[in-house]
Amino acid sequence: MKILLSLLFCVTQSLVFSQVVATFEEYNLPRGGHLNDASPADGFTSGSIILPNDYNADFDFWSGYAISADTNTTTPGFLNQYSSIVGSGAQGTTHYTVGYVYDPEFIYPTGKAAGKPMIGFYV
């Protein structure tokens, strides 16, 4: 019984520690800034995930996900497309993602998190 409990603990710990929290802070955006072009990559990587991004420089058009540090809560509509309605990310973080999705988009776990269930995320 002790061996079974020890094995269960080890497996549980490997599942829990296989994921790293994505904070997007590594993009070092200035307050109010955004990044809608992940080129030359096909997406933004943070923690244990990749968020797809497609950018067309000819039209300054993007789809998928963008990284933002915009805190504008007063400008309505399209001109404020990179801001969160509450002015920050989850739990008051300065960096977060916004999505412009017209087709199904996915979040891709990477590294040790690939193929494992996601513990959770904020929307």
C-alpha atoms as a PDB file:
ATOM      1  CA  MET A   1       0.000   0.000   0.000  1.00  0.00           C
ATOM      2  CA  LYS A   2       2.854   2.422   0.812  1.00  0.00           C
ATOM      3  CA  ILE A   3       4.443   1.761  -2.572  1.00  0.00           C
ATOM      4  CA  LEU A   4       1.153   2.425  -4.363  1.00  0.00           C
ATOM      5  CA  LEU A   5       0.650   5.711  -2.474  1.00  0.00           C
ATOM      6  CA  SER A   6       4.230   6.773  -3.199  1.00  0.00           C
ATOM      7  CA  LEU A   7       3.788   5.995  -6.897  1.00  0.00           C
ATOM      8  CA  LEU A   8       0.478   7.901  -7.011  1.00  0.00           C
ATOM      9  CA  PHE A   9       2.148  10.921  -5.342  1.00  0.00           C
ATOM     10  CA  CYS A  10       5.007  10.902  -7.859  1.00  0.00           C
ATOM     11  CA  VAL A  11       2.666  10.657 -10.857  1.00  0.00           C
ATOM     12  CA  THR A  12       0.471  13.458  -9.489  1.00  0.00           C
ATOM     13  CA  GLN A  13       3.486  15.680  -8.879  1.00  0.00           C
ATOM     14  CA  SER A  14       4.822  15.076 -12.389  1.00  0.00           C
ATOM     15  CA  LEU A  15       1.468  16.144 -13.849  1.00  0.00           C
ATOM     16  CA  VAL A  16       1.265  19.272 -11.700  1.00  0.00           C
ATOM     17  CA  PHE A  17       4.832  20.412 -12.315  1.00  0.00           C
ATOM     18  CA  SER A  18       4.809  19.701 -16.040  1.00  0.00           C
ATOM     19  CA  GLN A  19       3.149  23.042 -16.749  1.00  0.00           C
ATOM     20  CA  VAL A  20       4.609  26.514 -16.406  1.00  0.00           C
ATOM     21  CA  VAL A  21       2.340  29.534 -16.006  1.00  0.00           C
ATOM     22  CA  ALA A  22       2.141  31.787 -19.067  1.00  0.00           C
ATOM     23  CA  THR A  23       2.463  35.424 -17.970  1.00  0.00           C
ATOM     24  CA  PHE A  24       3.591  37.094 -21.233  1.00  0.00           C
ATOM     25  CA  GLU A  25       5.813  39.382 -19.146  1.00  0.00           C
ATOM     26  CA  GLU A  26       8.841  38.252 -21.192  1.00  0.00           C
ATOM     27  CA  TYR A  27       7.606  40.443 -24.059  1.00  0.00           C
ATOM     28  CA  ASN A  28       8.523  43.583 -22.022  1.00  0.00           C
ATOM     29  CA  LEU A  29       5.854  45.797 -23.528  1.00  0.00           C
ATOM     30  CA  PRO A  30       5.621  49.377 -22.310  1.00  0.00           C
ATOM     31  CA  ARG A  31       2.409  50.337 -20.525  1.00  0.00           C
ATOM     32  CA  GLY A  32      -0.237  50.840 -23.214  1.00  0.00           C
ATOM     33  CA  GLY A  33       1.720  48.842 -25.786  1.00  0.00           C
ATOM     34  CA  HIS A  34       0.786  45.776 -27.795  1.00  0.00           C
ATOM     35  CA  LEU A  35       2.354  43.212 -30.092  1.00  0.00           C
ATOM     36  CA  ASN A  36       0.199  41.802 -32.880  1.00  0.00           C
ATOM     37  CA  ASP A  37       2.954  40.236 -35.004  1.00  0.00           C
ATOM     38  CA  ALA A  38       4.745  37.096 -33.829  1.00  0.00           C
ATOM     39  CA  SER A  39       6.866  36.870 -37.009  1.00  0.00           C
ATOM     40  CA  PRO A  40       8.895  34.942 -37.883  1.00  0.00           C
ATOM     41  CA  ALA A  41       7.174  32.478 -35.531  1.00  0.00           C
ATOM     42  CA  ASP A  42       3.587  31.356 -36.056  1.00  0.00           C
ATOM     43  CA  GLY A  43       2.564  32.325 -32.537  1.00  0.00           C
ATOM     44  CA  PHE A  44       3.460  33.725 -29.149  1.00  0.00           C
ATOM     45  CA  THR A  45       5.139  31.440 -26.609  1.00  0.00           C
ATOM     46  CA  SER A  46       4.912  31.900 -22.861  1.00  0.00           C
ATOM     47  CA  GLY A  47       5.179  29.370 -20.078  1.00  0.00           C
ATOM     48  CA  SER A  48       4.091  26.023 -21.490  1.00  0.00           C
ATOM     49  CA  ILE A  49       1.868  27.271 -24.313  1.00  0.00           C
ATOM     50  CA  ILE A  50       1.918  28.650 -27.836  1.00  0.00           C
ATOM     51  CA  LEU A  51      -0.889  30.977 -28.941  1.00  0.00           C
ATOM     52  CA  PRO A  52      -1.282  31.133 -32.748  1.00  0.00           C
ATOM     53  CA  ASN A  53      -0.859  34.460 -34.512  1.00  0.00           C
ATOM     54  CA  ASP A  54      -1.208  35.332 -38.174  1.00  0.00           C
ATOM     55  CA  TYR A  55      -0.081  38.778 -39.286  1.00  0.00           C
ATOM     56  CA  ASN A  56      -0.344  40.405 -42.733  1.00  0.00           C
ATOM     57  CA  ALA A  57       2.019  43.368 -43.009  1.00  0.00           C
ATOM     58  CA  ASP A  58       0.442  44.620 -46.249  1.00  0.00           C
ATOM     59  CA  PHE A  59      -2.823  45.367 -44.482  1.00  0.00           C
ATOM     60  CA  ASP A  60      -1.614  45.554 -40.849  1.00  0.00           C
ATOM     61  CA  PHE A  61      -4.146  42.771 -40.233  1.00  0.00           C
ATOM     62  CA  TRP A  62      -3.803  40.130 -37.544  1.00  0.00           C
ATOM     63  CA  SER A  63      -5.827  37.212 -36.295  1.00  0.00           C
ATOM     64  CA  GLY A  64      -5.456  34.709 -33.516  1.00  0.00           C
ATOM     65  CA  TYR A  65      -3.856  36.242 -30.456  1.00  0.00           C
ATOM     66  CA  ALA A  66      -1.899  39.406 -29.644  1.00  0.00           C
ATOM     67  CA  ILE A  67       0.027  40.374 -26.509  1.00  0.00           C
ATOM     68  CA  SER A  68      -1.102  43.530 -24.744  1.00  0.00           C
ATOM     69  CA  ALA A  69      -0.189  45.855 -21.890  1.00  0.00           C
ATOM     70  CA  ASP A  70      -2.938  48.335 -22.759  1.00  0.00           C
ATOM     71  CA  THR A  71      -4.904  49.666 -19.786  1.00  0.00           C
ATOM     72  CA  ASN A  72      -7.307  52.002 -21.617  1.00  0.00           C
ATOM     73  CA  THR A  73     -10.816  51.457 -20.219  1.00  0.00           C
ATOM     74  CA  THR A  74     -12.465  54.564 -21.682  1.00  0.00           C
ATOM     75  CA  THR A  75     -12.100  54.427 -25.488  1.00  0.00           C
ATOM     76  CA  PRO A  76     -14.967  52.443 -27.038  1.00  0.00           C
ATOM     77  CA  GLY A  77     -14.899  50.156 -30.061  1.00  0.00           C
ATOM     78  CA  PHE A  78     -12.322  49.063 -32.604  1.00  0.00           C
ATOM     79  CA  LEU A  79      -9.816  51.787 -31.703  1.00  0.00           C
ATOM     80  CA  ASN A  80      -9.356  50.055 -28.355  1.00  0.00           C
ATOM     81  CA  GLN A  81      -8.991  46.510 -29.667  1.00  0.00           C
ATOM     82  CA  TYR A  82      -5.901  45.702 -27.596  1.00  0.00           C
ATOM     83  CA  SER A  83      -7.260  46.680 -24.194  1.00  0.00           C
ATOM     84  CA  SER A  84      -8.963  44.654 -21.517  1.00  0.00           C
ATOM     85  CA  ILE A  85     -12.297  46.062 -20.358  1.00  0.00           C
ATOM     86  CA  VAL A  86     -11.016  45.944 -16.767  1.00  0.00           C
ATOM     87  CA  GLY A  87      -7.688  47.601 -17.632  1.00  0.00           C
ATOM     88  CA  SER A  88      -5.390  44.674 -16.740  1.00  0.00           C
ATOM     89  CA  GLY A  89      -4.872  40.983 -17.065  1.00  0.00           C
ATOM     90  CA  ALA A  90      -5.975  38.359 -14.546  1.00  0.00           C
ATOM     91  CA  GLN A  91      -5.159  39.214 -10.939  1.00  0.00           C
ATOM     92  CA  GLY A  92      -3.922  42.666 -11.986  1.00  0.00           C
ATOM     93  CA  THR A  93      -1.109  41.514 -14.282  1.00  0.00           C
ATOM     94  CA  THR A  94       0.277  44.077 -16.709  1.00  0.00           C
ATOM     95  CA  HIS A  95       0.614  41.731 -19.698  1.00  0.00           C
ATOM     96  CA  TYR A  96      -2.149  39.558 -21.136  1.00  0.00           C
ATOM     97  CA  THR A  97      -3.451  38.302 -24.467  1.00  0.00           C
ATOM     98  CA  VAL A  98      -6.354  39.428 -26.572  1.00  0.00           C
ATOM     99  CA  GLY A  99      -7.898  37.428 -29.361  1.00  0.00           C
ATOM    100  CA  TYR A 100      -9.307  38.258 -32.747  1.00  0.00           C
ATOM    101  CA  VAL A 101     -10.761  34.997 -33.844  1.00  0.00           C
ATOM    102  CA  TYR A 102     -12.816  34.328 -36.950  1.00  0.00           C
ATOM    103  CA  ASP A 103     -11.945  30.631 -37.199  1.00  0.00           C
ATOM    104  CA  PRO A 104     -11.470  28.191 -34.334  1.00  0.00           C
ATOM    105  CA  GLU A 105      -8.199  28.936 -32.552  1.00  0.00           C
ATOM    106  CA  PHE A 106      -6.331  26.632 -30.233  1.00  0.00           C
ATOM    107  CA  ILE A 107      -3.918  26.885 -27.344  1.00  0.00           C
ATOM    108  CA  TYR A 108      -1.005  24.513 -27.896  1.00  0.00           C
ATOM    109  CA  PRO A 109       0.735  23.061 -24.815  1.00  0.00           C
ATOM    110  CA  THR A 110       4.505  22.691 -25.317  1.00  0.00           C
ATOM    111  CA  GLY A 111       7.405  20.879 -23.693  1.00  0.00           C
ATOM    112  CA  LYS A 112       6.501  18.681 -20.738  1.00  0.00           C
ATOM    113  CA  ALA A 113       2.924  20.004 -20.845  1.00  0.00           C
ATOM    114  CA  ALA A 114       2.273  18.645 -24.353  1.00  0.00           C
ATOM    115  CA  GLY A 115      -0.360  15.925 -24.265  1.00  0.00           C
ATOM    116  CA  LYS A 116      -1.316  16.585 -20.647  1.00  0.00           C
ATOM    117  CA  PRO A 117      -4.544  18.177 -19.399  1.00  0.00           C
ATOM    118  CA  MET A 118      -4.425  21.911 -18.766  1.00  0.00           C
ATOM    119  CA  ILE A 119      -4.919  22.691 -15.079  1.00  0.00           C
ATOM    120  CA  GLY A 120      -6.710  25.962 -15.814  1.00  0.00           C
ATOM    121  CA  PHE A 121      -6.596  29.413 -17.333  1.00  0.00           C
ATOM    122  CA  TYR A 122      -8.261  32.800 -17.010  1.00  0.00           C
ATOM    123  CA  VAL A 123     -10.612  34.113 -19.672  1.00  0.00           C
END
